[in-house]
């Protein structure tokens, strides 16, 4: 198993020790806006955040993790079970150092806003999030948007997406 550590309410996993690359795998005890740092100091070294892990549990027809009657898969007991964001976080800002965001990374999270500066948007990234309103910023860096990114985001009425390479 990969090495995990915590820093200021975020749990990270070292994914490449030689390149000093880490992934955000969870949050706890945080509230309000979460600005994910591009670099994190751990054990006398700076690591670059290059990934945000998504849901890693098992799938089941008809269920989302932690959701209600519209759930799309079985909830996991792992830290990635509901994605990486704890209930108190309302907005997330992702730095441009992040090159990968896993499937379901912010599903069922209660986010009301999001700023995305990286290139890839994972499948079902915000699925089943009725709190997500019109406070979504997607920059023109996006090259790929995954399937069902805003599935069951019933409060989201307007969304402007710049030209992207593939959908």
Foldseek 3Di string as FASTA:
>chain_A
DFDWDDDPFWIWTQPDVVQQEIETEAGPDDAEEAEDDQWDDDPNDIHGYAEFEAADDAFDDQAQQPAPRRGTGHADPDRRRQAHAAQRYAEYEYDQNHAYYEANNCDPRQHQAYEDDYAEAYHCPHAQHCNHECRYHYDPNYAYHHHNVHHNNVRYDDDDDPDHNYD
